Amino acid sequence: MRQYTTFEQFWPHYLREHAKPGTRLYHYIGTGLGLIAIAAAVVTGNWLLILLVPLLGYGFAWVSHAFVERNKPATFTYPFWSLMSDYRMFFLAMTGRLKPELQKAGVSDASPADGLRSSPNQ
């Protein structure tokens, strides 16, 4: 595997490791549920809910890499950048801005879930 020294170099690699729409969808579900768990912990004051965040986020992601993408999660090699990339991918998809990033990275298999909101740049 190539060694990345900057996040800007790593980001396209991360997207290519998530080339299949199903993999990204599992990531969106896990990340979304993790964010809901954080919000629920804040609202209810039940801070034990925070323990669900990594289980939800990584659980869905690792299942998708094992059974959909059939590759090794980047988390094991680049844990911090992978976490940053997961949230970046999630928020770009939720705001309809992921498709151009996928195209720049050479990923042609975009799906409706990658742009839940219309963007004038697409």
C-alpha atoms as a PDB file:
ATOM      1  CA  MET A   1       0.000   0.000   0.000  1.00  0.00           C
ATOM      2  CA  ARG A   2       1.219   3.476  -0.825  1.00  0.00           C
ATOM      3  CA  GLN A   3       2.168   5.669   2.131  1.00  0.00           C
ATOM      4  CA  TYR A   4       0.261   8.944   2.388  1.00  0.00           C
ATOM      5  CA  THR A   5       1.813  11.940   4.092  1.00  0.00           C
ATOM      6  CA  THR A   6      -1.100  14.375   3.848  1.00  0.00           C
ATOM      7  CA  PHE A   7      -4.843  14.154   4.222  1.00  0.00           C
ATOM      8  CA  GLU A   8      -5.241  15.649   0.728  1.00  0.00           C
ATOM      9  CA  GLN A   9      -3.321  12.674  -0.711  1.00  0.00           C
ATOM     10  CA  PHE A  10      -5.282  10.193   1.402  1.00  0.00           C
ATOM     11  CA  TRP A  11      -8.788  11.482   0.574  1.00  0.00           C
ATOM     12  CA  PRO A  12      -8.968  10.160  -3.051  1.00  0.00           C
ATOM     13  CA  HIS A  13      -7.562   6.824  -1.853  1.00  0.00           C
ATOM     14  CA  TYR A  14     -10.286   6.664   0.797  1.00  0.00           C
ATOM     15  CA  LEU A  15     -12.973   7.273  -1.831  1.00  0.00           C
ATOM     16  CA  ARG A  16     -11.527   4.583  -4.106  1.00  0.00           C
ATOM     17  CA  GLU A  17     -11.626   2.143  -1.166  1.00  0.00           C
ATOM     18  CA  HIS A  18     -15.364   2.956  -0.969  1.00  0.00           C
ATOM     19  CA  ALA A  19     -16.090   2.581  -4.681  1.00  0.00           C
ATOM     20  CA  LYS A  20     -19.290   0.556  -4.361  1.00  0.00           C
ATOM     21  CA  PRO A  21     -22.473   2.462  -3.487  1.00  0.00           C
ATOM     22  CA  GLY A  22     -23.467  -0.247  -1.001  1.00  0.00           C
ATOM     23  CA  THR A  23     -20.266   0.291   0.963  1.00  0.00           C
ATOM     24  CA  ARG A  24     -20.906   4.012   1.181  1.00  0.00           C
ATOM     25  CA  LEU A  25     -24.543   3.420   2.148  1.00  0.00           C
ATOM     26  CA  TYR A  26     -23.500   1.213   5.070  1.00  0.00           C
ATOM     27  CA  HIS A  27     -21.079   3.945   6.135  1.00  0.00           C
ATOM     28  CA  TYR A  28     -23.822   6.580   5.960  1.00  0.00           C
ATOM     29  CA  ILE A  29     -26.107   4.423   8.109  1.00  0.00           C
ATOM     30  CA  GLY A  30     -23.426   3.760  10.717  1.00  0.00           C
ATOM     31  CA  THR A  31     -22.267   7.370  10.848  1.00  0.00           C
ATOM     32  CA  GLY A  32     -25.841   8.666  10.990  1.00  0.00           C
ATOM     33  CA  LEU A  33     -26.768   6.293  13.812  1.00  0.00           C
ATOM     34  CA  GLY A  34     -23.579   7.275  15.628  1.00  0.00           C
ATOM     35  CA  LEU A  35     -24.520  10.950  15.389  1.00  0.00           C
ATOM     36  CA  ILE A  36     -28.020  10.122  16.646  1.00  0.00           C
ATOM     37  CA  ALA A  37     -26.461   8.301  19.618  1.00  0.00           C
ATOM     38  CA  ILE A  38     -24.374  11.396  20.412  1.00  0.00           C
ATOM     39  CA  ALA A  39     -27.447  13.628  20.197  1.00  0.00           C
ATOM     40  CA  ALA A  40     -29.442  11.219  22.373  1.00  0.00           C
ATOM     41  CA  ALA A  41     -26.667  11.225  24.983  1.00  0.00           C
ATOM     42  CA  VAL A  42     -26.674  15.029  25.068  1.00  0.00           C
ATOM     43  CA  VAL A  43     -30.470  15.314  25.232  1.00  0.00           C
ATOM     44  CA  THR A  44     -31.034  12.575  27.810  1.00  0.00           C
ATOM     45  CA  GLY A  45     -27.858  12.996  29.822  1.00  0.00           C
ATOM     46  CA  ASN A  46     -27.279   9.245  29.462  1.00  0.00           C
ATOM     47  CA  TRP A  47     -23.605   9.370  28.582  1.00  0.00           C
ATOM     48  CA  LEU A  48     -23.410   5.586  28.268  1.00  0.00           C
ATOM     49  CA  LEU A  49     -24.996   6.072  24.839  1.00  0.00           C
ATOM     50  CA  ILE A  50     -21.626   7.441  23.704  1.00  0.00           C
ATOM     51  CA  LEU A  51     -20.343   3.861  23.923  1.00  0.00           C
ATOM     52  CA  LEU A  52     -22.626   3.012  20.997  1.00  0.00           C
ATOM     53  CA  VAL A  53     -20.923   5.491  18.664  1.00  0.00           C
ATOM     54  CA  PRO A  54     -17.870   3.404  17.714  1.00  0.00           C
ATOM     55  CA  LEU A  55     -19.917   0.199  17.690  1.00  0.00           C
ATOM     56  CA  LEU A  56     -22.412   1.672  15.242  1.00  0.00           C
ATOM     57  CA  GLY A  57     -19.928   3.538  13.076  1.00  0.00           C
ATOM     58  CA  TYR A  58     -17.278   0.867  12.814  1.00  0.00           C
ATOM     59  CA  GLY A  59     -19.731  -2.033  12.905  1.00  0.00           C
ATOM     60  CA  PHE A  60     -21.593  -0.952   9.786  1.00  0.00           C
ATOM     61  CA  ALA A  61     -18.374   0.120   8.058  1.00  0.00           C
ATOM     62  CA  TRP A  62     -16.509  -3.113   8.694  1.00  0.00           C
ATOM     63  CA  VAL A  63     -19.453  -5.236   7.593  1.00  0.00           C
ATOM     64  CA  SER A  64     -19.569  -3.293   4.331  1.00  0.00           C
ATOM     65  CA  HIS A  65     -15.860  -3.765   3.709  1.00  0.00           C
ATOM     66  CA  ALA A  66     -16.074  -7.491   4.445  1.00  0.00           C
ATOM     67  CA  PHE A  67     -19.204  -8.305   2.451  1.00  0.00           C
ATOM     68  CA  VAL A  68     -19.758  -5.508  -0.089  1.00  0.00           C
ATOM     69  CA  GLU A  69     -16.440  -3.917  -1.030  1.00  0.00           C
ATOM     70  CA  ARG A  70     -14.398  -6.990  -0.055  1.00  0.00           C
ATOM     71  CA  ASN A  71     -11.343  -5.037   1.015  1.00  0.00           C
ATOM     72  CA  LYS A  72      -9.537  -4.114   4.217  1.00  0.00           C
ATOM     73  CA  PRO A  73     -10.831  -0.958   5.938  1.00  0.00           C
ATOM     74  CA  ALA A  74      -8.419   1.982   5.755  1.00  0.00           C
ATOM     75  CA  THR A  75      -9.058   2.434   9.488  1.00  0.00           C
ATOM     76  CA  PHE A  76      -6.381  -0.116  10.290  1.00  0.00           C
ATOM     77  CA  THR A  77      -3.640   1.792   8.466  1.00  0.00           C
ATOM     78  CA  TYR A  78      -4.803   5.408   8.773  1.00  0.00           C
ATOM     79  CA  PRO A  79      -7.188   5.565  11.768  1.00  0.00           C
ATOM     80  CA  PHE A  80      -7.454   9.342  12.219  1.00  0.00           C
ATOM     81  CA  TRP A  81      -7.621  10.204   8.517  1.00  0.00           C
ATOM     82  CA  SER A  82     -10.163   7.432   7.986  1.00  0.00           C
ATOM     83  CA  LEU A  83     -12.392   8.861  10.696  1.00  0.00           C
ATOM     84  CA  MET A  84     -12.057  12.352   9.208  1.00  0.00           C
ATOM     85  CA  SER A  85     -12.788  10.963   5.746  1.00  0.00           C
ATOM     86  CA  ASP A  86     -15.848   9.069   6.937  1.00  0.00           C
ATOM     87  CA  TYR A  87     -17.405  12.233   8.343  1.00  0.00           C
ATOM     88  CA  ARG A  88     -16.352  14.241   5.289  1.00  0.00           C
ATOM     89  CA  MET A  89     -17.919  11.648   2.966  1.00  0.00           C
ATOM     90  CA  PHE A  90     -21.079  11.583   5.105  1.00  0.00           C
ATOM     91  CA  PHE A  91     -21.552  15.355   5.171  1.00  0.00           C
ATOM     92  CA  LEU A  92     -20.700  15.779   1.484  1.00  0.00           C
ATOM     93  CA  ALA A  93     -23.298  13.122   0.636  1.00  0.00           C
ATOM     94  CA  MET A  94     -25.913  14.697   2.907  1.00  0.00           C
ATOM     95  CA  THR A  95     -25.383  18.073   1.235  1.00  0.00           C
ATOM     96  CA  GLY A  96     -25.308  16.709  -2.319  1.00  0.00           C
ATOM     97  CA  ARG A  97     -21.639  17.492  -2.902  1.00  0.00           C
ATOM     98  CA  LEU A  98     -19.995  14.051  -2.939  1.00  0.00           C
ATOM     99  CA  LYS A  99     -20.423  13.117  -6.607  1.00  0.00           C
ATOM    100  CA  PRO A 100     -17.743  15.539  -7.920  1.00  0.00           C
ATOM    101  CA  GLU A 101     -15.317  14.248  -5.282  1.00  0.00           C
ATOM    102  CA  LEU A 102     -15.991  10.666  -6.356  1.00  0.00           C
ATOM    103  CA  GLN A 103     -15.438  11.613  -9.992  1.00  0.00           C
ATOM    104  CA  LYS A 104     -12.138  13.372  -9.187  1.00  0.00           C
ATOM    105  CA  ALA A 105     -11.001  10.216  -7.363  1.00  0.00           C
ATOM    106  CA  GLY A 106     -11.906   8.072 -10.382  1.00  0.00           C
ATOM    107  CA  VAL A 107     -14.980   6.462  -8.816  1.00  0.00           C
ATOM    108  CA  SER A 108     -17.727   6.333 -11.432  1.00  0.00           C
ATOM    109  CA  ASP A 109     -20.287   4.328  -9.462  1.00  0.00           C
ATOM    110  CA  ALA A 110     -22.252   7.117  -7.764  1.00  0.00           C
ATOM    111  CA  SER A 111     -25.724   6.438  -6.403  1.00  0.00           C
ATOM    112  CA  PRO A 112     -28.678   8.566  -5.294  1.00  0.00           C
ATOM    113  CA  ALA A 113     -27.546   8.104  -1.670  1.00  0.00           C
ATOM    114  CA  ASP A 114     -24.332   9.979  -2.507  1.00  0.00           C
ATOM    115  CA  GLY A 115     -26.231  13.184  -3.047  1.00  0.00           C
ATOM    116  CA  LEU A 116     -29.332  13.244  -0.921  1.00  0.00           C
ATOM    117  CA  ARG A 117     -29.756  16.919  -1.651  1.00  0.00           C
ATOM    118  CA  SER A 118     -29.515  18.442  -5.098  1.00  0.00           C
ATOM    119  CA  SER A 119     -26.481  20.549  -5.745  1.00  0.00           C
ATOM    120  CA  PRO A 120     -26.070  23.064  -8.580  1.00  0.00           C
ATOM    121  CA  ASN A 121     -22.530  21.703  -9.165  1.00  0.00           C
ATOM    122  CA  GLN A 122     -23.757  18.271 -10.255  1.00  0.00           C
END
